[in-house]
Every structure is written in C-alpha cells, then in structure tokens.
Amino acid sequence: MITRRLVLGTVLGLGLFASGLVVGQNVNPIRHPNLAAAQRFIEQAVGKIDAAQAANEFDMGGHAAKAKELLAGAFREIKLAAEAANRR
C-alpha cells in the first residue's frame, strides 16, 4: 500500500510538473494562430491523459506519463517553430 501511494504521488507530481511546463510557454495567437491552436490541443490532450490516469488509479504502466512527456516536447517544438518564423 505504501509503494502504491509513493508511485501515485510521484506520477501526480510529474504530471503537474509537465503540465506547468506546457502552460508557461504559449505562442502568440495573433502572430501564429495555427501554432497557438496546436498548443491548445496539446494542453487539452494532457488534461484528458490526466483524467484517464485518475480514472485508472494511475496504473497505466508508465505509458500515460511518457505520453505527457512527449506532448510537452511537442509543445516546446511548436514554440521553437514560432520563434524561428519570427526571425525571418
């Protein structure tokens, strides 16, 4: 039981950390509306994964957490794409 709580706490903490990373780096929606929309979809996807994890008591073999890590990476890449477009 203690191990399960430790795993649950760790996953929750990582999820909140990843969500925080995603929220803090938005693209300007006026300058890059499509990229900003993609970021919003990623934020929604992370929210749905959070809900799925909670519904399954965070017992998803680490795959949901990995998906959120990959989505956070995609979010950062979108930000970099916007910055590259801004330099042109």
PDB file of N, CA and C in Angstrom:
ATOM      1  N   MET A   1       0.818  -1.187   0.000  1.00  0.00           N
ATOM      2  CA  MET A   1       0.000   0.000   0.000  1.00  0.00           C
ATOM      3  C   MET A   1       0.868   1.259   0.000  1.00  0.00           C
ATOM      4  N   ILE A   2       1.945   1.242   0.765  1.00  0.00           N
ATOM      5  CA  ILE A   2       2.839   2.400   0.813  1.00  0.00           C
ATOM      6  C   ILE A   2       3.498   2.613  -0.550  1.00  0.00           C
ATOM      7  N   THR A   3       3.886   1.527  -1.200  1.00  0.00           N
ATOM      8  CA  THR A   3       4.502   1.628  -2.522  1.00  0.00           C
ATOM      9  C   THR A   3       3.533   2.237  -3.521  1.00  0.00           C
ATOM     10  N   ARG A   4       2.286   1.811  -3.469  1.00  0.00           N
ATOM     11  CA  ARG A   4       1.280   2.340  -4.383  1.00  0.00           C
ATOM     12  C   ARG A   4       1.102   3.842  -4.176  1.00  0.00           C
ATOM     13  N   ARG A   5       1.073   4.285  -2.932  1.00  0.00           N
ATOM     14  CA  ARG A   5       0.943   5.716  -2.641  1.00  0.00           C
ATOM     15  C   ARG A   5       2.161   6.490  -3.119  1.00  0.00           C
ATOM     16  N   LEU A   6       3.327   5.913  -2.972  1.00  0.00           N
ATOM     17  CA  LEU A   6       4.547   6.558  -3.432  1.00  0.00           C
ATOM     18  C   LEU A   6       4.526   6.723  -4.950  1.00  0.00           C
ATOM     19  N   VAL A   7       4.138   5.669  -5.646  1.00  0.00           N
ATOM     20  CA  VAL A   7       4.051   5.728  -7.108  1.00  0.00           C
ATOM     21  C   VAL A   7       3.002   6.756  -7.520  1.00  0.00           C
ATOM     22  N   LEU A   8       1.851   6.735  -6.871  1.00  0.00           N
ATOM     23  CA  LEU A   8       0.785   7.683  -7.180  1.00  0.00           C
ATOM     24  C   LEU A   8       1.263   9.118  -6.981  1.00  0.00           C
ATOM     25  N   GLY A   9       1.932   9.372  -5.873  1.00  0.00           N
ATOM     26  CA  GLY A   9       2.442  10.709  -5.601  1.00  0.00           C
ATOM     27  C   GLY A   9       3.481  11.153  -6.612  1.00  0.00           C
ATOM     28  N   THR A  10       4.348  10.234  -7.002  1.00  0.00           N
ATOM     29  CA  THR A  10       5.380  10.548  -7.990  1.00  0.00           C
ATOM     30  C   THR A  10       4.759  10.877  -9.342  1.00  0.00           C
ATOM     31  N   VAL A  11       3.828  10.057  -9.774  1.00  0.00           N
ATOM     32  CA  VAL A  11       3.173  10.280 -11.058  1.00  0.00           C
ATOM     33  C   VAL A  11       2.401  11.596 -11.039  1.00  0.00           C
ATOM     34  N   LEU A  12       1.691  11.846  -9.961  1.00  0.00           N
ATOM     35  CA  LEU A  12       0.954  13.106  -9.838  1.00  0.00           C
ATOM     36  C   LEU A  12       1.902  14.297  -9.903  1.00  0.00           C
ATOM     37  N   GLY A  13       3.003  14.209  -9.186  1.00  0.00           N
ATOM     38  CA  GLY A  13       3.978  15.290  -9.193  1.00  0.00           C
ATOM     39  C   GLY A  13       4.569  15.537 -10.570  1.00  0.00           C
ATOM     40  N   LEU A  14       4.922  14.466 -11.258  1.00  0.00           N
ATOM     41  CA  LEU A  14       5.466  14.607 -12.613  1.00  0.00           C
ATOM     42  C   LEU A  14       4.425  15.182 -13.562  1.00  0.00           C
ATOM     43  N   GLY A  15       3.189  14.745 -13.392  1.00  0.00           N
ATOM     44  CA  GLY A  15       2.109  15.266 -14.239  1.00  0.00           C
ATOM     45  C   GLY A  15       1.918  16.758 -14.042  1.00  0.00           C
ATOM     46  N   LEU A  16       1.920  17.194 -12.801  1.00  0.00           N
ATOM     47  CA  LEU A  16       1.782  18.620 -12.532  1.00  0.00           C
ATOM     48  C   LEU A  16       2.974  19.403 -13.053  1.00  0.00           C
ATOM     49  N   PHE A  17       4.161  18.831 -12.917  1.00  0.00           N
ATOM     50  CA  PHE A  17       5.361  19.485 -13.429  1.00  0.00           C
ATOM     51  C   PHE A  17       5.284  19.632 -14.947  1.00  0.00           C
ATOM     52  N   ALA A  18       4.939  18.551 -15.633  1.00  0.00           N
ATOM     53  CA  ALA A  18       4.832  18.588 -17.100  1.00  0.00           C
ATOM     54  C   ALA A  18       3.741  19.558 -17.534  1.00  0.00           C
ATOM     55  N   SER A  19       2.622  19.562 -16.832  1.00  0.00           N
ATOM     56  CA  SER A  19       1.548  20.490 -17.168  1.00  0.00           C
ATOM     57  C   SER A  19       2.001  21.929 -16.982  1.00  0.00           C
ATOM     58  N   GLY A  20       2.773  22.174 -15.947  1.00  0.00           N
ATOM     59  CA  GLY A  20       3.300  23.508 -15.717  1.00  0.00           C
ATOM     60  C   GLY A  20       4.232  23.952 -16.822  1.00  0.00           C
ATOM     61  N   LEU A  21       5.025  23.030 -17.322  1.00  0.00           N
ATOM     62  CA  LEU A  21       5.917  23.361 -18.436  1.00  0.00           C
ATOM     63  C   LEU A  21       5.122  23.734 -19.667  1.00  0.00           C
ATOM     64  N   VAL A  22       4.062  23.021 -19.905  1.00  0.00           N
ATOM     65  CA  VAL A  22       3.248  23.269 -21.087  1.00  0.00           C
ATOM     66  C   VAL A  22       2.584  24.636 -21.007  1.00  0.00           C
ATOM     67  N   VAL A  23       1.993  24.958 -19.880  1.00  0.00           N
ATOM     68  CA  VAL A  23       1.234  26.188 -19.759  1.00  0.00           C
ATOM     69  C   VAL A  23       2.112  27.426 -19.858  1.00  0.00           C
ATOM     70  N   GLY A  24       3.350  27.364 -19.443  1.00  0.00           N
ATOM     71  CA  GLY A  24       4.185  28.540 -19.353  1.00  0.00           C
ATOM     72  C   GLY A  24       4.824  29.032 -20.638  1.00  0.00           C
ATOM     73  N   GLN A  25       4.601  28.418 -21.783  1.00  0.00           N
ATOM     74  CA  GLN A  25       5.354  28.776 -22.977  1.00  0.00           C
ATOM     75  C   GLN A  25       4.464  28.970 -24.201  1.00  0.00           C
ATOM     76  N   ASN A  26       3.398  29.708 -24.078  1.00  0.00           N
ATOM     77  CA  ASN A  26       2.453  29.828 -25.180  1.00  0.00           C
ATOM     78  C   ASN A  26       2.984  30.677 -26.327  1.00  0.00           C
ATOM     79  N   VAL A  27       2.572  30.302 -27.525  1.00  0.00           N
ATOM     80  CA  VAL A  27       2.878  31.033 -28.749  1.00  0.00           C
ATOM     81  C   VAL A  27       1.860  32.167 -28.881  1.00  0.00           C
ATOM     82  N   ASN A  28       2.266  33.275 -29.452  1.00  0.00           N
ATOM     83  CA  ASN A  28       1.371  34.403 -29.677  1.00  0.00           C
ATOM     84  C   ASN A  28       0.272  34.005 -30.670  1.00  0.00           C
ATOM     85  N   PRO A  29      -1.000  33.974 -30.242  1.00  0.00           N
ATOM     86  CA  PRO A  29      -2.074  33.521 -31.125  1.00  0.00           C
ATOM     87  C   PRO A  29      -2.396  34.496 -32.253  1.00  0.00           C
ATOM     88  N   ILE A  30      -2.010  35.733 -32.109  1.00  0.00           N
ATOM     89  CA  ILE A  30      -2.260  36.701 -33.186  1.00  0.00           C
ATOM     90  C   ILE A  30      -1.252  36.502 -34.309  1.00  0.00           C
ATOM     91  N   ARG A  31      -0.018  36.294 -33.937  1.00  0.00           N
ATOM     92  CA  ARG A  31       1.051  36.135 -34.929  1.00  0.00           C
ATOM     93  C   ARG A  31       1.073  34.742 -35.547  1.00  0.00           C
ATOM     94  N   HIS A  32       0.760  33.721 -34.753  1.00  0.00           N
ATOM     95  CA  HIS A  32       0.816  32.325 -35.202  1.00  0.00           C
ATOM     96  C   HIS A  32      -0.437  31.575 -34.744  1.00  0.00           C
ATOM     97  N   PRO A  33      -1.590  31.861 -35.368  1.00  0.00           N
ATOM     98  CA  PRO A  33      -2.840  31.254 -34.891  1.00  0.00           C
ATOM     99  C   PRO A  33      -2.861  29.730 -34.985  1.00  0.00           C
ATOM    100  N   ASN A  34      -2.266  29.161 -36.007  1.00  0.00           N
ATOM    101  CA  ASN A  34      -2.273  27.701 -36.151  1.00  0.00           C
ATOM    102  C   ASN A  34      -1.380  27.026 -35.113  1.00  0.00           C
ATOM    103  N   LEU A  35      -0.229  27.611 -34.864  1.00  0.00           N
ATOM    104  CA  LEU A  35       0.658  27.049 -33.851  1.00  0.00           C
ATOM    105  C   LEU A  35       0.052  27.196 -32.457  1.00  0.00           C
ATOM    106  N   ALA A  36      -0.591  28.330 -32.209  1.00  0.00           N
ATOM    107  CA  ALA A  36      -1.247  28.529 -30.909  1.00  0.00           C
ATOM    108  C   ALA A  36      -2.380  27.524 -30.727  1.00  0.00           C
ATOM    109  N   ALA A  37      -3.119  27.245 -31.800  1.00  0.00           N
ATOM    110  CA  ALA A  37      -4.197  26.247 -31.722  1.00  0.00           C
ATOM    111  C   ALA A  37      -3.618  24.869 -31.425  1.00  0.00           C
ATOM    112  N   ALA A  38      -2.498  24.547 -32.051  1.00  0.00           N
ATOM    113  CA  ALA A  38      -1.856  23.253 -31.791  1.00  0.00           C
ATOM    114  C   ALA A  38      -1.455  23.149 -30.323  1.00  0.00           C
ATOM    115  N   GLN A  39      -0.952  24.234 -29.758  1.00  0.00           N
ATOM    116  CA  GLN A  39      -0.593  24.214 -28.334  1.00  0.00           C
ATOM    117  C   GLN A  39      -1.830  24.003 -27.459  1.00  0.00           C
ATOM    118  N   ARG A  40      -2.939  24.644 -27.819  1.00  0.00           N
ATOM    119  CA  ARG A  40      -4.175  24.439 -27.045  1.00  0.00           C
ATOM    120  C   ARG A  40      -4.620  22.981 -27.110  1.00  0.00           C
ATOM    121  N   PHE A  41      -4.500  22.366 -28.276  1.00  0.00           N
ATOM    122  CA  PHE A  41      -4.880  20.952 -28.410  1.00  0.00           C
ATOM    123  C   PHE A  41      -3.975  20.064 -27.539  1.00  0.00           C
ATOM    124  N   ILE A  42      -2.701  20.403 -27.479  1.00  0.00           N
ATOM    125  CA  ILE A  42      -1.786  19.642 -26.628  1.00  0.00           C
ATOM    126  C   ILE A  42      -2.187  19.786 -25.163  1.00  0.00           C
ATOM    127  N   GLU A  43      -2.528  21.001 -24.748  1.00  0.00           N
ATOM    128  CA  GLU A  43      -2.972  21.210 -23.370  1.00  0.00           C
ATOM    129  C   GLU A  43      -4.229  20.384 -23.074  1.00  0.00           C
ATOM    130  N   GLN A  44      -5.147  20.322 -24.044  1.00  0.00           N
ATOM    131  CA  GLN A  44      -6.356  19.521 -23.870  1.00  0.00           C
ATOM    132  C   GLN A  44      -6.014  18.038 -23.779  1.00  0.00           C
ATOM    133  N   ALA A  45      -5.071  17.595 -24.597  1.00  0.00           N
ATOM    134  CA  ALA A  45      -4.664  16.186 -24.579  1.00  0.00           C
ATOM    135  C   ALA A  45      -4.056  15.817 -23.228  1.00  0.00           C
ATOM    136  N   VAL A  46      -3.232  16.707 -22.694  1.00  0.00           N
ATOM    137  CA  VAL A  46      -2.631  16.450 -21.376  1.00  0.00           C
ATOM    138  C   VAL A  46      -3.730  16.349 -20.322  1.00  0.00           C
ATOM    139  N   GLY A  47      -4.724  17.208 -20.414  1.00  0.00           N
ATOM    140  CA  GLY A  47      -5.849  17.153 -19.481  1.00  0.00           C
ATOM    141  C   GLY A  47      -6.609  15.841 -19.575  1.00  0.00           C
ATOM    142  N   LYS A  48      -6.804  15.352 -20.791  1.00  0.00           N
ATOM    143  CA  LYS A  48      -7.508  14.073 -20.981  1.00  0.00           C
ATOM    144  C   LYS A  48      -6.674  12.909 -20.437  1.00  0.00           C
ATOM    145  N   ILE A  49      -5.371  12.983 -20.616  1.00  0.00           N
ATOM    146  CA  ILE A  49      -4.498  11.927 -20.074  1.00  0.00           C
ATOM    147  C   ILE A  49      -4.545  11.956 -18.551  1.00  0.00           C
ATOM    148  N   ASP A  50      -4.532  13.160 -17.974  1.00  0.00           N
ATOM    149  CA  ASP A  50      -4.655  13.277 -16.518  1.00  0.00           C
ATOM    150  C   ASP A  50      -5.939  12.607 -16.038  1.00  0.00           C
ATOM    151  N   ALA A  51      -7.046  12.866 -16.746  1.00  0.00           N
ATOM    152  CA  ALA A  51      -8.333  12.273 -16.366  1.00  0.00           C
ATOM    153  C   ALA A  51      -8.292  10.753 -16.496  1.00  0.00           C
ATOM    154  N   ALA A  52      -7.657  10.259 -17.561  1.00  0.00           N
ATOM    155  CA  ALA A  52      -7.546   8.809 -17.747  1.00  0.00           C
ATOM    156  C   ALA A  52      -6.712   8.179 -16.644  1.00  0.00           C
ATOM    157  N   GLN A  53      -5.640   8.853 -16.269  1.00  0.00           N
ATOM    158  CA  GLN A  53      -4.803   8.333 -15.193  1.00  0.00           C
ATOM    159  C   GLN A  53      -5.590   8.264 -13.885  1.00  0.00           C
ATOM    160  N   ALA A  54      -6.323   9.308 -13.594  1.00  0.00           N
ATOM    161  CA  ALA A  54      -7.107   9.321 -12.353  1.00  0.00           C
ATOM    162  C   ALA A  54      -8.171   8.221 -12.380  1.00  0.00           C
ATOM    163  N   ALA A  55      -8.812   8.031 -13.521  1.00  0.00           N
ATOM    164  CA  ALA A  55      -9.854   7.006 -13.635  1.00  0.00           C
ATOM    165  C   ALA A  55      -9.287   5.601 -13.482  1.00  0.00           C
ATOM    166  N   ASN A  56      -8.031   5.420 -13.826  1.00  0.00           N
ATOM    167  CA  ASN A  56      -7.393   4.111 -13.753  1.00  0.00           C
ATOM    168  C   ASN A  56      -6.441   4.003 -12.564  1.00  0.00           C
ATOM    169  N   GLU A  57      -6.614   4.888 -11.594  1.00  0.00           N
ATOM    170  CA  GLU A  57      -5.788   4.905 -10.394  1.00  0.00           C
ATOM    171  C   GLU A  57      -4.295   4.944 -10.727  1.00  0.00           C
ATOM    172  N   PHE A  58      -3.957   5.650 -11.791  1.00  0.00           N
ATOM    173  CA  PHE A  58      -2.583   5.875 -12.221  1.00  0.00           C
ATOM    174  C   PHE A  58      -1.827   4.589 -12.533  1.00  0.00           C
ATOM    175  N   ASP A  59      -2.559   3.514 -12.784  1.00  0.00           N
ATOM    176  CA  ASP A  59      -1.949   2.225 -13.104  1.00  0.00           C
ATOM    177  C   ASP A  59      -1.996   2.014 -14.614  1.00  0.00           C
ATOM    178  N   MET A  60      -1.101   2.679 -15.330  1.00  0.00           N
ATOM    179  CA  MET A  60      -1.067   2.605 -16.785  1.00  0.00           C
ATOM    180  C   MET A  60       0.326   2.229 -17.279  1.00  0.00           C
ATOM    181  N   GLY A  61       1.094   1.614 -16.423  1.00  0.00           N
ATOM    182  CA  GLY A  61       2.406   1.106 -16.807  1.00  0.00           C
ATOM    183  C   GLY A  61       3.402   2.178 -17.216  1.00  0.00           C
ATOM    184  N   GLY A  62       3.172   3.414 -16.801  1.00  0.00           N
ATOM    185  CA  GLY A  62       4.087   4.491 -17.157  1.00  0.00           C
ATOM    186  C   GLY A  62       3.863   5.060 -18.552  1.00  0.00           C
ATOM    187  N   HIS A  63       2.954   4.463 -19.305  1.00  0.00           N
ATOM    188  CA  HIS A  63       2.743   4.905 -20.685  1.00  0.00           C
ATOM    189  C   HIS A  63       2.057   6.264 -20.766  1.00  0.00           C
ATOM    190  N   ALA A  64       1.122   6.519 -19.875  1.00  0.00           N
ATOM    191  CA  ALA A  64       0.450   7.819 -19.876  1.00  0.00           C
ATOM    192  C   ALA A  64       1.440   8.925 -19.518  1.00  0.00           C
ATOM    193  N   ALA A  65       2.289   8.662 -18.544  1.00  0.00           N
ATOM    194  CA  ALA A  65       3.305   9.649 -18.164  1.00  0.00           C
ATOM    195  C   ALA A  65       4.256   9.908 -19.329  1.00  0.00           C
ATOM    196  N   LYS A  66       4.631   8.860 -20.034  1.00  0.00           N
ATOM    197  CA  LYS A  66       5.519   9.014 -21.199  1.00  0.00           C
ATOM    198  C   LYS A  66       4.829   9.824 -22.290  1.00  0.00           C
ATOM    199  N   ALA A  67       3.537   9.583 -22.487  1.00  0.00           N
ATOM    200  CA  ALA A  67       2.787  10.350 -23.488  1.00  0.00           C
ATOM    201  C   ALA A  67       2.786  11.834 -23.131  1.00  0.00           C
ATOM    202  N   LYS A  68       2.625  12.136 -21.848  1.00  0.00           N
ATOM    203  CA  LYS A  68       2.641  13.540 -21.427  1.00  0.00           C
ATOM    204  C   LYS A  68       4.024  14.159 -21.614  1.00  0.00           C
ATOM    205  N   GLU A  69       5.069  13.391 -21.389  1.00  0.00           N
ATOM    206  CA  GLU A  69       6.428  13.895 -21.640  1.00  0.00           C
ATOM    207  C   GLU A  69       6.600  14.229 -23.126  1.00  0.00           C
ATOM    208  N   LEU A  70       6.125  13.343 -23.980  1.00  0.00           N
ATOM    209  CA  LEU A  70       6.238  13.572 -25.421  1.00  0.00           C
ATOM    210  C   LEU A  70       5.411  14.778 -25.860  1.00  0.00           C
ATOM    211  N   LEU A  71       4.231  14.940 -25.283  1.00  0.00           N
ATOM    212  CA  LEU A  71       3.413  16.106 -25.598  1.00  0.00           C
ATOM    213  C   LEU A  71       4.092  17.392 -25.136  1.00  0.00           C
ATOM    214  N   ALA A  72       4.734  17.359 -23.982  1.00  0.00           N
ATOM    215  CA  ALA A  72       5.467  18.536 -23.514  1.00  0.00           C
ATOM    216  C   ALA A  72       6.597  18.876 -24.489  1.00  0.00           C
ATOM    217  N   GLY A  73       7.256  17.855 -25.026  1.00  0.00           N
ATOM    218  CA  GLY A  73       8.297  18.079 -26.031  1.00  0.00           C
ATOM    219  C   GLY A  73       7.728  18.689 -27.301  1.00  0.00           C
ATOM    220  N   ALA A  74       6.571  18.207 -27.726  1.00  0.00           N
ATOM    221  CA  ALA A  74       5.913  18.766 -28.915  1.00  0.00           C
ATOM    222  C   ALA A  74       5.534  20.224 -28.675  1.00  0.00           C
ATOM    223  N   PHE A  75       5.069  20.519 -27.486  1.00  0.00           N
ATOM    224  CA  PHE A  75       4.705  21.888 -27.127  1.00  0.00           C
ATOM    225  C   PHE A  75       5.916  22.814 -27.251  1.00  0.00           C
ATOM    226  N   ARG A  76       7.055  22.357 -26.742  1.00  0.00           N
ATOM    227  CA  ARG A  76       8.287  23.155 -26.835  1.00  0.00           C
ATOM    228  C   ARG A  76       8.723  23.331 -28.289  1.00  0.00           C
ATOM    229  N   GLU A  77       8.592  22.282 -29.090  1.00  0.00           N
ATOM    230  CA  GLU A  77       8.977  22.372 -30.504  1.00  0.00           C
ATOM    231  C   GLU A  77       8.107  23.376 -31.253  1.00  0.00           C
ATOM    232  N   ILE A  78       6.827  23.439 -30.899  1.00  0.00           N
ATOM    233  CA  ILE A  78       5.939  24.423 -31.514  1.00  0.00           C
ATOM    234  C   ILE A  78       6.415  25.833 -31.162  1.00  0.00           C
ATOM    235  N   LYS A  79       6.806  26.029 -29.918  1.00  0.00           N
ATOM    236  CA  LYS A  79       7.338  27.329 -29.504  1.00  0.00           C
ATOM    237  C   LYS A  79       8.595  27.683 -30.296  1.00  0.00           C
ATOM    238  N   LEU A  80       9.469  26.704 -30.485  1.00  0.00           N
ATOM    239  CA  LEU A  80      10.684  26.934 -31.270  1.00  0.00           C
ATOM    240  C   LEU A  80      10.367  27.236 -32.729  1.00  0.00           C
ATOM    241  N   ALA A  81       9.341  26.583 -33.271  1.00  0.00           N
ATOM    242  CA  ALA A  81       8.925  26.852 -34.652  1.00  0.00           C
ATOM    243  C   ALA A  81       8.452  28.287 -34.783  1.00  0.00           C
ATOM    244  N   ALA A  82       7.680  28.760 -33.820  1.00  0.00           N
ATOM    245  CA  ALA A  82       7.206  30.144 -33.846  1.00  0.00           C
ATOM    246  C   ALA A  82       8.373  31.118 -33.751  1.00  0.00           C
ATOM    247  N   GLU A  83       9.329  30.805 -32.878  1.00  0.00           N
ATOM    248  CA  GLU A  83      10.490  31.693 -32.742  1.00  0.00           C
ATOM    249  C   GLU A  83      11.307  31.726 -34.026  1.00  0.00           C
ATOM    250  N   ALA A  84      11.442  30.573 -34.696  1.00  0.00           N
ATOM    251  CA  ALA A  84      12.177  30.532 -35.964  1.00  0.00           C
ATOM    252  C   ALA A  84      11.448  31.358 -37.027  1.00  0.00           C
ATOM    253  N   ALA A  85      10.133  31.255 -37.053  1.00  0.00           N
ATOM    254  CA  ALA A  85       9.352  32.052 -38.017  1.00  0.00           C
ATOM    255  C   ALA A  85       9.481  33.537 -37.716  1.00  0.00           C
ATOM    256  N   ASN A  86       9.564  33.877 -36.453  1.00  0.00           N
ATOM    257  CA  ASN A  86       9.709  35.296 -36.073  1.00  0.00           C
ATOM    258  C   ASN A  86      11.025  35.879 -36.533  1.00  0.00           C
ATOM    259  N   ARG A  87      12.047  35.063 -36.642  1.00  0.00           N
ATOM    260  CA  ARG A  87      13.372  35.550 -37.074  1.00  0.00           C
ATOM    261  C   ARG A  87      13.437  35.828 -38.569  1.00  0.00           C
ATOM    262  N   ARG A  88      12.497  35.297 -39.330  1.00  0.00           N
ATOM    263  CA  ARG A  88      12.527  35.507 -40.781  1.00  0.00           C
ATOM    264  C   ARG A  88      11.965  36.843 -41.160  1.00  0.00           C
TER     265      ARG A  88
END
